[in-house]
Amino acid sequence: MSNDAATTDMNSSMARRARRADSLLATLAMILVVACAASQLACDSGAAESSAEPTSQASTAAHDGQRAEAEEAAAAENAVEAERLVVLGGPIAEIAFALGAGDQVVAADKSAEYPPEAAAVATLDYYRKTSVEAVLSNRPGRVLASEGVGPAEVVDQLQAAGVEVTVFEEPHNIAQARERILKVGEALGRSEEARGLVAEFDATLENAEASAARVDGEPRAIFVYARGPGTLLIGGRGTSAATAIELAGANLVSGVEDFRPMSAEGLIATRPDVIVMTEKGLKSLGGVDRVWELPGMSQTPAAGFRQVVVVDDLKLLGFGPRFGEAVSELSAGFANLERAEN
């Protein structure tokens, strides 16, 4: 072979090898591009999944938080509703306020005259004439009522409407008065405060006994309950007025049980030295001068001295926390009466 032919063959062989190398390099480059693209796709997909998961978790957490807040708000609202009290009966209202539950009382009947805060919410009719609709309009969670709340079906109707109703028996003596305070305290979750109030109740009675010791001669006394000249009753044994009169150092001479209509004959027969009345009762008659115009009253020893001792209605008739104060006021009146007789 000549030198020119050999050179030609060599050049041809080198060109073929160069083309194969270029092809191989191109293939490798394509493989790298595809691999990187796949890798990037995987990375992008993983990032998206990673990003989506926290977003989903955050959304769930937010939803749970909102639900918890709603449940908490509903529970708080229910608690507020349960704390809303309607009180029927002046002595129960007085006890509730004395125990520190006054801010829960949203309504009371018009017999709630003390303290002033109770009178301010006394928007309901007298508790013996309770309107269910009027009570429910105050959205109470609970009703506390004195025995005798009426009409007869009112308690059942309130309970049927989903309202918890607690009725407390009327006390007829000091022990029962103490017990009622404790029961009201228990119903309100304020038993400790109730025990403290009973201690105060007993302390005022002790002071009253000291006042009664200064009353000489046991003056003869009767209690006249009046709501105008057409409603006249004599208070007898088993009433708070009778108990207060005797604790105050006088002799109760009515000779009847509970309350009985007053008669001229019965009044004259008892020969009272002093007449005990409530502020509202005296006002309903038109004042002290009108007392002596009542049938038979002018023929009693009391008329000769025009002696009437007047006490706040709720203090005297309610057997409530201020009952001892009523006894002390009666004692002071009876002591003055004794000086008038001398």
C-alpha atoms as a PDB file:
ATOM      1  CA  MET A   1       0.000   0.000   0.000  1.00  0.00           C
ATOM      2  CA  SER A   2       1.339   3.433  -0.806  1.00  0.00           C
ATOM      3  CA  ASN A   3       1.877   6.070   1.782  1.00  0.00           C
ATOM      4  CA  ASP A   4      -1.005   8.144   0.480  1.00  0.00           C
ATOM      5  CA  ALA A   5      -3.481   5.255   0.782  1.00  0.00           C
ATOM      6  CA  ALA A   6      -2.341   4.499   4.337  1.00  0.00           C
ATOM      7  CA  THR A   7      -2.761   8.069   5.326  1.00  0.00           C
ATOM      8  CA  THR A   8      -6.257   8.155   3.849  1.00  0.00           C
ATOM      9  CA  ASP A   9      -7.344   5.038   5.772  1.00  0.00           C
ATOM     10  CA  MET A  10      -5.959   6.396   9.013  1.00  0.00           C
ATOM     11  CA  ASN A  11      -7.805   9.682   8.600  1.00  0.00           C
ATOM     12  CA  SER A  12     -11.067   7.859   7.857  1.00  0.00           C
ATOM     13  CA  SER A  13     -10.693   5.668  10.948  1.00  0.00           C
ATOM     14  CA  MET A  14     -10.039   8.653  13.187  1.00  0.00           C
ATOM     15  CA  ALA A  15     -13.095  10.475  11.859  1.00  0.00           C
ATOM     16  CA  ARG A  16     -15.299   7.465  12.602  1.00  0.00           C
ATOM     17  CA  ARG A  17     -13.965   7.270  16.157  1.00  0.00           C
ATOM     18  CA  ALA A  18     -14.552  11.006  16.654  1.00  0.00           C
ATOM     19  CA  ARG A  19     -18.156  10.679  15.482  1.00  0.00           C
ATOM     20  CA  ARG A  20     -18.772   7.739  17.851  1.00  0.00           C
ATOM     21  CA  ALA A  21     -17.291   9.752  20.747  1.00  0.00           C
ATOM     22  CA  ASP A  22     -19.506  12.712  19.896  1.00  0.00           C
ATOM     23  CA  SER A  23     -22.550  10.440  19.759  1.00  0.00           C
ATOM     24  CA  LEU A  24     -21.650   8.874  23.086  1.00  0.00           C
ATOM     25  CA  LEU A  25     -21.183  12.256  24.692  1.00  0.00           C
ATOM     26  CA  ALA A  26     -24.522  13.414  23.353  1.00  0.00           C
ATOM     27  CA  THR A  27     -26.213  10.308  24.731  1.00  0.00           C
ATOM     28  CA  LEU A  28     -24.604  10.800  28.134  1.00  0.00           C
ATOM     29  CA  ALA A  29     -25.689  14.422  28.155  1.00  0.00           C
ATOM     30  CA  MET A  30     -29.254  13.428  27.346  1.00  0.00           C
ATOM     31  CA  ILE A  31     -29.224  10.866  30.142  1.00  0.00           C
ATOM     32  CA  LEU A  32     -27.980  13.491  32.599  1.00  0.00           C
ATOM     33  CA  VAL A  33     -30.684  15.949  31.553  1.00  0.00           C
ATOM     34  CA  VAL A  34     -33.422  13.354  31.947  1.00  0.00           C
ATOM     35  CA  ALA A  35     -32.022  12.291  35.325  1.00  0.00           C
ATOM     36  CA  CYS A  36     -31.881  15.858  36.591  1.00  0.00           C
ATOM     37  CA  ALA A  37     -35.371  16.531  35.348  1.00  0.00           C
ATOM     38  CA  ALA A  38     -36.658  13.432  37.135  1.00  0.00           C
ATOM     39  CA  SER A  39     -34.778  14.393  40.242  1.00  0.00           C
ATOM     40  CA  GLN A  40     -36.199  17.923  40.165  1.00  0.00           C
ATOM     41  CA  LEU A  41     -39.696  16.574  39.619  1.00  0.00           C
ATOM     42  CA  ALA A  42     -39.281  14.308  42.620  1.00  0.00           C
ATOM     43  CA  CYS A  43     -37.959  17.185  44.683  1.00  0.00           C
ATOM     44  CA  ASP A  44     -40.758  19.447  43.608  1.00  0.00           C
ATOM     45  CA  SER A  45     -43.330  16.752  44.369  1.00  0.00           C
ATOM     46  CA  GLY A  46     -41.821  16.074  47.781  1.00  0.00           C
ATOM     47  CA  ALA A  47     -41.773  19.760  48.567  1.00  0.00           C
ATOM     48  CA  ALA A  48     -45.388  20.105  47.567  1.00  0.00           C
ATOM     49  CA  GLU A  49     -46.382  17.166  49.741  1.00  0.00           C
ATOM     50  CA  SER A  50     -44.328  18.504  52.602  1.00  0.00           C
ATOM     51  CA  SER A  51     -45.898  21.920  52.184  1.00  0.00           C
ATOM     52  CA  ALA A  52     -49.440  20.534  51.917  1.00  0.00           C
ATOM     53  CA  GLU A  53     -49.230  18.481  55.108  1.00  0.00           C
ATOM     54  CA  PRO A  54     -48.550  21.371  57.496  1.00  0.00           C
ATOM     55  CA  THR A  55     -51.250  23.426  55.796  1.00  0.00           C
ATOM     56  CA  SER A  56     -53.744  20.640  56.373  1.00  0.00           C
ATOM     57  CA  GLN A  57     -52.626  20.297  59.992  1.00  0.00           C
ATOM     58  CA  ALA A  58     -52.905  24.041  60.542  1.00  0.00           C
ATOM     59  CA  SER A  59     -56.405  24.037  59.098  1.00  0.00           C
ATOM     60  CA  THR A  60     -57.438  21.188  61.385  1.00  0.00           C
ATOM     61  CA  ALA A  61     -55.904  22.905  64.398  1.00  0.00           C
ATOM     62  CA  ALA A  62     -57.710  26.142  63.577  1.00  0.00           C
ATOM     63  CA  HIS A  63     -61.008  24.289  63.245  1.00  0.00           C
ATOM     64  CA  ASP A  64     -60.472  22.514  66.552  1.00  0.00           C
ATOM     65  CA  GLY A  65     -59.629  25.831  68.208  1.00  0.00           C
ATOM     66  CA  GLN A  66     -62.775  27.472  66.895  1.00  0.00           C
ATOM     67  CA  ARG A  67     -64.887  24.549  68.054  1.00  0.00           C
ATOM     68  CA  ALA A  68     -63.304  24.663  71.516  1.00  0.00           C
ATOM     69  CA  GLU A  69     -63.976  28.398  71.752  1.00  0.00           C
ATOM     70  CA  ALA A  70     -67.593  27.880  70.714  1.00  0.00           C
ATOM     71  CA  GLU A  71     -68.048  25.121  73.278  1.00  0.00           C
ATOM     72  CA  GLU A  72     -66.445  27.275  75.970  1.00  0.00           C
ATOM     73  CA  ALA A  73     -68.686  30.211  75.082  1.00  0.00           C
ATOM     74  CA  ALA A  74     -71.759  27.964  75.166  1.00  0.00           C
ATOM     75  CA  ALA A  75     -70.719  26.558  78.544  1.00  0.00           C
ATOM     76  CA  ALA A  76     -70.176  30.066  79.896  1.00  0.00           C
ATOM     77  CA  GLU A  77     -73.575  31.138  78.611  1.00  0.00           C
ATOM     78  CA  ASN A  78     -75.208  28.104  80.215  1.00  0.00           C
ATOM     79  CA  ALA A  79     -73.426  28.865  83.477  1.00  0.00           C
ATOM     80  CA  VAL A  80     -74.677  32.449  83.385  1.00  0.00           C
ATOM     81  CA  GLU A  81     -78.211  31.229  82.740  1.00  0.00           C
ATOM     82  CA  ALA A  82     -77.952  28.789  85.647  1.00  0.00           C
ATOM     83  CA  GLU A  83     -76.803  31.600  87.943  1.00  0.00           C
ATOM     84  CA  ARG A  84     -79.797  33.801  87.113  1.00  0.00           C
ATOM     85  CA  LEU A  85     -82.107  33.708  90.125  1.00  0.00           C
ATOM     86  CA  VAL A  86     -85.715  34.724  90.531  1.00  0.00           C
ATOM     87  CA  VAL A  87     -86.746  35.003  94.186  1.00  0.00           C
ATOM     88  CA  LEU A  88     -90.352  34.784  95.325  1.00  0.00           C
ATOM     89  CA  GLY A  89     -90.940  35.845  98.933  1.00  0.00           C
ATOM     90  CA  GLY A  90     -89.435  38.775 100.820  1.00  0.00           C
ATOM     91  CA  PRO A  91     -87.605  36.751 103.511  1.00  0.00           C
ATOM     92  CA  ILE A  92     -85.968  34.493 100.887  1.00  0.00           C
ATOM     93  CA  ALA A  93     -84.788  37.540  98.965  1.00  0.00           C
ATOM     94  CA  GLU A  94     -83.387  39.094 102.134  1.00  0.00           C
ATOM     95  CA  ILE A  95     -81.513  35.893 102.982  1.00  0.00           C
ATOM     96  CA  ALA A  96     -80.135  35.526  99.441  1.00  0.00           C
ATOM     97  CA  PHE A  97     -78.765  39.064  99.478  1.00  0.00           C
ATOM     98  CA  ALA A  98     -77.389  38.646 102.998  1.00  0.00           C
ATOM     99  CA  LEU A  99     -75.493  35.571 101.793  1.00  0.00           C
ATOM    100  CA  GLY A 100     -73.858  37.564  98.997  1.00  0.00           C
ATOM    101  CA  ALA A 101     -75.906  36.179  96.114  1.00  0.00           C
ATOM    102  CA  GLY A 102     -77.584  39.468  95.270  1.00  0.00           C
ATOM    103  CA  ASP A 103     -75.735  39.859  91.969  1.00  0.00           C
ATOM    104  CA  GLN A 104     -77.400  36.659  90.745  1.00  0.00           C
ATOM    105  CA  VAL A 105     -80.947  37.868  91.483  1.00  0.00           C
ATOM    106  CA  VAL A 106     -82.510  39.171  88.275  1.00  0.00           C
ATOM    107  CA  ALA A 107     -86.075  39.536  89.588  1.00  0.00           C
ATOM    108  CA  ALA A 108     -88.113  39.263  92.776  1.00  0.00           C
ATOM    109  CA  ASP A 109     -91.721  39.779  93.771  1.00  0.00           C
ATOM    110  CA  LYS A 110     -92.921  42.992  95.378  1.00  0.00           C
ATOM    111  CA  SER A 111     -92.696  41.573  98.900  1.00  0.00           C
ATOM    112  CA  ALA A 112     -88.887  41.843  98.547  1.00  0.00           C
ATOM    113  CA  GLU A 113     -88.436  45.217 100.236  1.00  0.00           C
ATOM    114  CA  TYR A 114     -85.044  44.716 101.855  1.00  0.00           C
ATOM    115  CA  PRO A 115     -82.246  45.365 101.164  1.00  0.00           C
ATOM    116  CA  PRO A 116     -82.694  48.263  98.706  1.00  0.00           C
ATOM    117  CA  GLU A 117     -80.953  46.205  96.026  1.00  0.00           C
ATOM    118  CA  ALA A 118     -83.703  43.593  96.348  1.00  0.00           C
ATOM    119  CA  ALA A 119     -86.410  46.240  96.132  1.00  0.00           C
ATOM    120  CA  ALA A 120     -84.766  47.507  92.943  1.00  0.00           C
ATOM    121  CA  VAL A 121     -85.405  44.180  91.164  1.00  0.00           C
ATOM    122  CA  ALA A 122     -88.832  43.548  92.741  1.00  0.00           C
ATOM    123  CA  THR A 123     -90.625  43.736  89.395  1.00  0.00           C
ATOM    124  CA  LEU A 124     -92.955  40.755  89.819  1.00  0.00           C
ATOM    125  CA  ASP A 125     -96.399  40.635  91.389  1.00  0.00           C
ATOM    126  CA  TYR A 126     -96.887  39.379  94.967  1.00  0.00           C
ATOM    127  CA  TYR A 127     -95.537  35.839  95.247  1.00  0.00           C
ATOM    128  CA  ARG A 128     -98.940  34.338  96.030  1.00  0.00           C
ATOM    129  CA  LYS A 129    -100.104  35.624  92.631  1.00  0.00           C
ATOM    130  CA  THR A 130     -97.136  34.598  90.521  1.00  0.00           C
ATOM    131  CA  SER A 131     -97.292  34.861  86.736  1.00  0.00           C
ATOM    132  CA  VAL A 132     -95.334  32.049  85.070  1.00  0.00           C
ATOM    133  CA  GLU A 133     -94.856  34.133  81.933  1.00  0.00           C
ATOM    134  CA  ALA A 134     -93.451  37.039  83.937  1.00  0.00           C
ATOM    135  CA  VAL A 135     -90.983  34.757  85.718  1.00  0.00           C
ATOM    136  CA  LEU A 136     -89.837  33.068  82.497  1.00  0.00           C
ATOM    137  CA  SER A 137     -89.341  36.429  80.784  1.00  0.00           C
ATOM    138  CA  ASN A 138     -86.351  36.911  83.104  1.00  0.00           C
ATOM    139  CA  ARG A 139     -84.703  33.694  81.806  1.00  0.00           C
ATOM    140  CA  PRO A 140     -84.022  32.248  85.273  1.00  0.00           C
ATOM    141  CA  GLY A 141     -81.870  29.196  85.798  1.00  0.00           C
ATOM    142  CA  ARG A 142     -83.405  28.718  89.220  1.00  0.00           C
ATOM    143  CA  VAL A 143     -86.311  30.000  91.282  1.00  0.00           C
ATOM    144  CA  LEU A 144     -86.187  30.201  95.076  1.00  0.00           C
ATOM    145  CA  ALA A 145     -89.632  30.539  96.627  1.00  0.00           C
ATOM    146  CA  SER A 146     -91.351  30.826  99.970  1.00  0.00           C
ATOM    147  CA  GLU A 147     -93.925  28.258 100.952  1.00  0.00           C
ATOM    148  CA  GLY A 148     -97.312  29.518  99.853  1.00  0.00           C
ATOM    149  CA  VAL A 149     -96.115  30.608  96.414  1.00  0.00           C
ATOM    150  CA  GLY A 150     -99.123  30.536  94.156  1.00  0.00           C
ATOM    151  CA  PRO A 151    -101.268  29.822  92.359  1.00  0.00           C
ATOM    152  CA  ALA A 152    -101.056  26.121  93.158  1.00  0.00           C
ATOM    153  CA  GLU A 153     -99.888  25.031  89.703  1.00  0.00           C
ATOM    154  CA  VAL A 154     -97.118  27.602  89.317  1.00  0.00           C
ATOM    155  CA  VAL A 155     -94.266  25.372  90.574  1.00  0.00           C
ATOM    156  CA  ASP A 156     -95.179  22.522  88.214  1.00  0.00           C
ATOM    157  CA  GLN A 157     -95.454  24.915  85.288  1.00  0.00           C
ATOM    158  CA  LEU A 158     -92.033  26.426  85.939  1.00  0.00           C
ATOM    159  CA  GLN A 159     -90.459  23.000  86.290  1.00  0.00           C
ATOM    160  CA  ALA A 160     -92.123  21.868  83.058  1.00  0.00           C
ATOM    161  CA  ALA A 161     -90.435  24.841  81.380  1.00  0.00           C
ATOM    162  CA  GLY A 162     -87.056  23.511  82.521  1.00  0.00           C
ATOM    163  CA  VAL A 163     -86.538  25.826  85.506  1.00  0.00           C
ATOM    164  CA  GLU A 164     -85.248  24.414  88.781  1.00  0.00           C
ATOM    165  CA  VAL A 165     -87.553  25.484  91.626  1.00  0.00           C
ATOM    166  CA  THR A 166     -86.746  25.210  95.334  1.00  0.00           C
ATOM    167  CA  VAL A 167     -89.517  25.943  97.846  1.00  0.00           C
ATOM    168  CA  PHE A 168     -88.645  26.679 101.484  1.00  0.00           C
ATOM    169  CA  GLU A 169     -91.081  26.029 104.339  1.00  0.00           C
ATOM    170  CA  GLU A 170     -92.286  28.977 106.372  1.00  0.00           C
ATOM    171  CA  PRO A 171     -90.753  28.870 109.866  1.00  0.00           C
ATOM    172  CA  HIS A 172     -92.954  28.979 112.964  1.00  0.00           C
ATOM    173  CA  ASN A 173     -90.224  29.296 115.575  1.00  0.00           C
ATOM    174  CA  ILE A 174     -86.621  30.378 116.028  1.00  0.00           C
ATOM    175  CA  ALA A 175     -85.130  26.944 115.335  1.00  0.00           C
ATOM    176  CA  GLN A 176     -86.981  26.703 112.025  1.00  0.00           C
ATOM    177  CA  ALA A 177     -85.863  30.225 111.109  1.00  0.00           C
ATOM    178  CA  ARG A 178     -82.246  29.185 111.577  1.00  0.00           C
ATOM    179  CA  GLU A 179     -82.829  26.024 109.536  1.00  0.00           C
ATOM    180  CA  ARG A 180     -84.288  27.994 106.634  1.00  0.00           C
ATOM    181  CA  ILE A 181     -81.208  30.207 106.451  1.00  0.00           C
ATOM    182  CA  LEU A 182     -79.003  27.115 106.276  1.00  0.00           C
ATOM    183  CA  LYS A 183     -81.157  25.534 103.563  1.00  0.00           C
ATOM    184  CA  VAL A 184     -81.097  28.656 101.418  1.00  0.00           C
ATOM    185  CA  GLY A 185     -77.335  28.742 101.830  1.00  0.00           C
ATOM    186  CA  GLU A 186     -77.075  25.111 100.753  1.00  0.00           C
ATOM    187  CA  ALA A 187     -79.232  25.751  97.681  1.00  0.00           C
ATOM    188  CA  LEU A 188     -76.988  28.645  96.676  1.00  0.00           C
ATOM    189  CA  GLY A 189     -73.734  26.825  97.363  1.00  0.00           C
ATOM    190  CA  ARG A 190     -73.024  29.250 100.207  1.00  0.00           C
ATOM    191  CA  SER A 191     -73.230  27.052 103.288  1.00  0.00           C
ATOM    192  CA  GLU A 192     -70.297  28.731 105.006  1.00  0.00           C
ATOM    193  CA  GLU A 193     -71.884  32.158 104.571  1.00  0.00           C
ATOM    194  CA  ALA A 194     -75.176  30.739 105.876  1.00  0.00           C
ATOM    195  CA  ARG A 195     -73.524  29.511 109.063  1.00  0.00           C
ATOM    196  CA  GLY A 196     -72.068  32.993 109.538  1.00  0.00           C
ATOM    197  CA  LEU A 197     -75.485  34.561 109.011  1.00  0.00           C
ATOM    198  CA  VAL A 198     -77.034  32.228 111.601  1.00  0.00           C
ATOM    199  CA  ALA A 199     -74.360  33.329 114.062  1.00  0.00           C
ATOM    200  CA  GLU A 200     -75.307  36.968 113.417  1.00  0.00           C
ATOM    201  CA  PHE A 201     -78.993  36.058 113.780  1.00  0.00           C
ATOM    202  CA  ASP A 202     -78.302  34.518 117.193  1.00  0.00           C
ATOM    203  CA  ALA A 203     -76.215  37.510 118.260  1.00  0.00           C
ATOM    204  CA  THR A 204     -79.063  39.951 117.556  1.00  0.00           C
ATOM    205  CA  LEU A 205     -81.427  37.729 119.536  1.00  0.00           C
ATOM    206  CA  GLU A 206     -79.040  37.798 122.493  1.00  0.00           C
ATOM    207  CA  ASN A 207     -79.015  41.590 122.344  1.00  0.00           C
ATOM    208  CA  ALA A 208     -82.805  41.546 122.198  1.00  0.00           C
ATOM    209  CA  GLU A 209     -82.985  39.413 125.327  1.00  0.00           C
ATOM    210  CA  ALA A 210     -80.871  41.970 127.140  1.00  0.00           C
ATOM    211  CA  SER A 211     -83.332  44.670 126.033  1.00  0.00           C
ATOM    212  CA  ALA A 212     -86.302  42.563 127.143  1.00  0.00           C
ATOM    213  CA  ALA A 213     -84.842  42.309 130.627  1.00  0.00           C
ATOM    214  CA  ARG A 214     -85.511  46.034 131.031  1.00  0.00           C
ATOM    215  CA  VAL A 215     -89.258  45.613 130.423  1.00  0.00           C
ATOM    216  CA  ASP A 216     -91.156  45.423 133.720  1.00  0.00           C
ATOM    217  CA  GLY A 217     -94.539  43.963 134.455  1.00  0.00           C
ATOM    218  CA  GLU A 218     -95.145  42.004 131.265  1.00  0.00           C
ATOM    219  CA  PRO A 219     -97.544  44.410 129.560  1.00  0.00           C
ATOM    220  CA  ARG A 220    -100.527  42.778 127.847  1.00  0.00           C
ATOM    221  CA  ALA A 221    -100.070  42.968 124.086  1.00  0.00           C
ATOM    222  CA  ILE A 222    -101.831  41.959 120.895  1.00  0.00           C
ATOM    223  CA  PHE A 223    -100.767  42.129 117.265  1.00  0.00           C
ATOM    224  CA  VAL A 224    -103.194  43.611 114.746  1.00  0.00           C
ATOM    225  CA  TYR A 225    -102.517  42.871 111.078  1.00  0.00           C
ATOM    226  CA  ALA A 226    -104.273  45.466 108.924  1.00  0.00           C
ATOM    227  CA  ARG A 227    -104.606  46.104 105.235  1.00  0.00           C
ATOM    228  CA  GLY A 228    -107.179  48.828 105.466  1.00  0.00           C
ATOM    229  CA  PRO A 229    -110.230  48.903 107.782  1.00  0.00           C
ATOM    230  CA  GLY A 230    -111.751  46.016 105.820  1.00  0.00           C
ATOM    231  CA  THR A 231    -108.900  43.588 106.536  1.00  0.00           C
ATOM    232  CA  LEU A 232    -108.207  43.254 110.245  1.00  0.00           C
ATOM    233  CA  LEU A 233    -106.631  40.135 111.749  1.00  0.00           C
ATOM    234  CA  ILE A 234    -105.335  39.227 115.188  1.00  0.00           C
ATOM    235  CA  GLY A 235    -101.989  37.389 115.244  1.00  0.00           C
ATOM    236  CA  GLY A 236    -101.857  34.428 117.596  1.00  0.00           C
ATOM    237  CA  ARG A 237     -99.563  31.568 118.547  1.00  0.00           C
ATOM    238  CA  GLY A 238     -97.314  30.210 115.841  1.00  0.00           C
ATOM    239  CA  THR A 239     -96.780  33.577 114.149  1.00  0.00           C
ATOM    240  CA  SER A 240     -93.513  35.469 114.066  1.00  0.00           C
ATOM    241  CA  ALA A 241     -95.240  38.521 115.565  1.00  0.00           C
ATOM    242  CA  ALA A 242     -96.418  36.504 118.580  1.00  0.00           C
ATOM    243  CA  THR A 243     -92.925  35.060 119.086  1.00  0.00           C
ATOM    244  CA  ALA A 244     -91.354  38.517 118.886  1.00  0.00           C
ATOM    245  CA  ILE A 245     -93.842  40.010 121.358  1.00  0.00           C
ATOM    246  CA  GLU A 246     -93.099  37.358 123.984  1.00  0.00           C
ATOM    247  CA  LEU A 247     -89.330  37.507 123.459  1.00  0.00           C
ATOM    248  CA  ALA A 248     -89.570  41.271 123.906  1.00  0.00           C
ATOM    249  CA  GLY A 249     -90.947  40.848 127.428  1.00  0.00           C
ATOM    250  CA  ALA A 250     -94.698  41.258 126.904  1.00  0.00           C
ATOM    251  CA  ASN A 251     -97.593  38.895 127.494  1.00  0.00           C
ATOM    252  CA  LEU A 252     -99.404  37.859 124.312  1.00  0.00           C
ATOM    253  CA  VAL A 253    -103.119  37.907 125.167  1.00  0.00           C
ATOM    254  CA  SER A 254    -104.795  37.136 121.853  1.00  0.00           C
ATOM    255  CA  GLY A 255    -105.577  33.540 122.833  1.00  0.00           C
ATOM    256  CA  VAL A 256    -105.805  32.274 119.225  1.00  0.00           C
ATOM    257  CA  GLU A 257    -103.664  30.239 116.852  1.00  0.00           C
ATOM    258  CA  ASP A 258    -102.206  31.719 113.675  1.00  0.00           C
ATOM    259  CA  PHE A 259    -104.266  34.637 112.298  1.00  0.00           C
ATOM    260  CA  ARG A 260    -107.971  35.133 113.005  1.00  0.00           C
ATOM    261  CA  PRO A 261    -110.404  37.909 112.048  1.00  0.00           C
ATOM    262  CA  MET A 262    -110.552  40.607 114.681  1.00  0.00           C
ATOM    263  CA  SER A 263    -113.860  41.140 116.479  1.00  0.00           C
ATOM    264  CA  ALA A 264    -114.840  43.962 118.810  1.00  0.00           C
ATOM    265  CA  GLU A 265    -115.923  41.512 121.511  1.00  0.00           C
ATOM    266  CA  GLY A 266    -112.704  39.514 121.372  1.00  0.00           C
ATOM    267  CA  LEU A 267    -110.600  42.648 121.391  1.00  0.00           C
ATOM    268  CA  ILE A 268    -112.350  44.069 124.458  1.00  0.00           C
ATOM    269  CA  ALA A 269    -112.051  40.750 126.277  1.00  0.00           C
ATOM    270  CA  THR A 270    -108.266  40.603 125.870  1.00  0.00           C
ATOM    271  CA  ARG A 271    -107.825  44.033 127.525  1.00  0.00           C
ATOM    272  CA  PRO A 272    -104.496  44.850 125.849  1.00  0.00           C
ATOM    273  CA  ASP A 273    -102.198  47.505 127.281  1.00  0.00           C
ATOM    274  CA  VAL A 274    -100.460  47.984 123.943  1.00  0.00           C
ATOM    275  CA  ILE A 275    -101.218  47.360 120.279  1.00  0.00           C
ATOM    276  CA  VAL A 276     -98.446  46.078 118.003  1.00  0.00           C
ATOM    277  CA  MET A 277     -98.710  46.841 114.298  1.00  0.00           C
ATOM    278  CA  THR A 278     -96.511  46.958 111.209  1.00  0.00           C
ATOM    279  CA  GLU A 279     -95.632  50.156 109.368  1.00  0.00           C
ATOM    280  CA  LYS A 280     -97.693  49.214 106.321  1.00  0.00           C
ATOM    281  CA  GLY A 281    -100.620  48.154 108.480  1.00  0.00           C
ATOM    282  CA  LEU A 282    -100.723  51.454 110.318  1.00  0.00           C
ATOM    283  CA  LYS A 283    -100.376  53.374 107.075  1.00  0.00           C
ATOM    284  CA  SER A 284    -103.252  51.411 105.521  1.00  0.00           C
ATOM    285  CA  LEU A 285    -105.529  52.670 108.309  1.00  0.00           C
ATOM    286  CA  GLY A 286    -104.471  56.278 107.894  1.00  0.00           C
ATOM    287  CA  GLY A 287    -102.292  56.689 110.986  1.00  0.00           C
ATOM    288  CA  VAL A 288    -102.411  56.221 114.749  1.00  0.00           C
ATOM    289  CA  ASP A 289    -105.553  58.281 115.261  1.00  0.00           C
ATOM    290  CA  ARG A 290    -107.524  55.850 113.082  1.00  0.00           C
ATOM    291  CA  VAL A 291    -106.523  52.892 115.244  1.00  0.00           C
ATOM    292  CA  TRP A 292    -108.788  54.007 118.087  1.00  0.00           C
ATOM    293  CA  GLU A 293    -111.730  54.211 115.706  1.00  0.00           C
ATOM    294  CA  LEU A 294    -111.623  50.464 115.018  1.00  0.00           C
ATOM    295  CA  PRO A 295    -114.515  48.426 116.491  1.00  0.00           C
ATOM    296  CA  GLY A 296    -113.975  47.824 120.222  1.00  0.00           C
ATOM    297  CA  MET A 297    -110.568  49.511 120.295  1.00  0.00           C
ATOM    298  CA  SER A 298    -111.698  52.562 122.249  1.00  0.00           C
ATOM    299  CA  GLN A 299    -112.742  50.300 125.156  1.00  0.00           C
ATOM    300  CA  THR A 300    -109.284  48.809 125.723  1.00  0.00           C
ATOM    301  CA  PRO A 301    -106.658  49.985 128.243  1.00  0.00           C
ATOM    302  CA  ALA A 302    -104.372  50.665 125.285  1.00  0.00           C
ATOM    303  CA  ALA A 303    -106.725  53.407 124.109  1.00  0.00           C
ATOM    304  CA  GLY A 304    -106.326  55.262 127.397  1.00  0.00           C
ATOM    305  CA  PHE A 305    -102.620  55.730 126.708  1.00  0.00           C
ATOM    306  CA  ARG A 306    -102.892  55.641 122.899  1.00  0.00           C
ATOM    307  CA  GLN A 307    -100.043  53.191 122.894  1.00  0.00           C
ATOM    308  CA  VAL A 308     -99.096  51.591 119.563  1.00  0.00           C
ATOM    309  CA  VAL A 309     -95.675  50.085 118.885  1.00  0.00           C
ATOM    310  CA  VAL A 310     -94.855  49.944 115.176  1.00  0.00           C
ATOM    311  CA  VAL A 311     -92.206  47.750 113.497  1.00  0.00           C
ATOM    312  CA  ASP A 312     -91.122  47.253 109.884  1.00  0.00           C
ATOM    313  CA  ASP A 313     -93.256  44.591 108.183  1.00  0.00           C
ATOM    314  CA  LEU A 314     -90.477  42.342 106.912  1.00  0.00           C
ATOM    315  CA  LYS A 315     -88.533  42.513 110.172  1.00  0.00           C
ATOM    316  CA  LEU A 316     -91.499  41.431 112.249  1.00  0.00           C
ATOM    317  CA  LEU A 317     -93.359  39.034 109.961  1.00  0.00           C
ATOM    318  CA  GLY A 318     -90.634  37.327 107.977  1.00  0.00           C
ATOM    319  CA  PHE A 319     -88.660  35.403 110.646  1.00  0.00           C
ATOM    320  CA  GLY A 320     -85.711  36.615 108.600  1.00  0.00           C
ATOM    321  CA  PRO A 321     -82.150  37.674 109.437  1.00  0.00           C
ATOM    322  CA  ARG A 322     -83.312  40.905 111.137  1.00  0.00           C
ATOM    323  CA  PHE A 323     -85.864  39.275 113.418  1.00  0.00           C
ATOM    324  CA  GLY A 324     -83.730  40.031 116.484  1.00  0.00           C
ATOM    325  CA  GLU A 325     -83.851  43.727 115.567  1.00  0.00           C
ATOM    326  CA  ALA A 326     -87.652  43.567 115.588  1.00  0.00           C
ATOM    327  CA  VAL A 327     -87.587  42.075 119.090  1.00  0.00           C
ATOM    328  CA  SER A 328     -85.262  44.836 120.319  1.00  0.00           C
ATOM    329  CA  GLU A 329     -87.513  47.543 118.851  1.00  0.00           C
ATOM    330  CA  LEU A 330     -90.545  45.998 120.548  1.00  0.00           C
ATOM    331  CA  SER A 331     -88.681  45.873 123.848  1.00  0.00           C
ATOM    332  CA  ALA A 332     -87.850  49.563 123.572  1.00  0.00           C
ATOM    333  CA  GLY A 333     -91.502  50.317 122.878  1.00  0.00           C
ATOM    334  CA  PHE A 334     -92.728  48.210 125.771  1.00  0.00           C
ATOM    335  CA  ALA A 335     -90.248  49.845 128.135  1.00  0.00           C
ATOM    336  CA  ASN A 336     -91.582  53.261 127.143  1.00  0.00           C
ATOM    337  CA  LEU A 337     -95.081  51.975 127.676  1.00  0.00           C
ATOM    338  CA  GLU A 338     -94.237  51.011 131.216  1.00  0.00           C
ATOM    339  CA  ARG A 339     -93.006  54.535 131.918  1.00  0.00           C
ATOM    340  CA  ALA A 340     -96.212  55.918 130.394  1.00  0.00           C
ATOM    341  CA  GLU A 341     -98.323  53.706 132.700  1.00  0.00           C
ATOM    342  CA  ASN A 342     -96.396  54.844 135.748  1.00  0.00           C
END
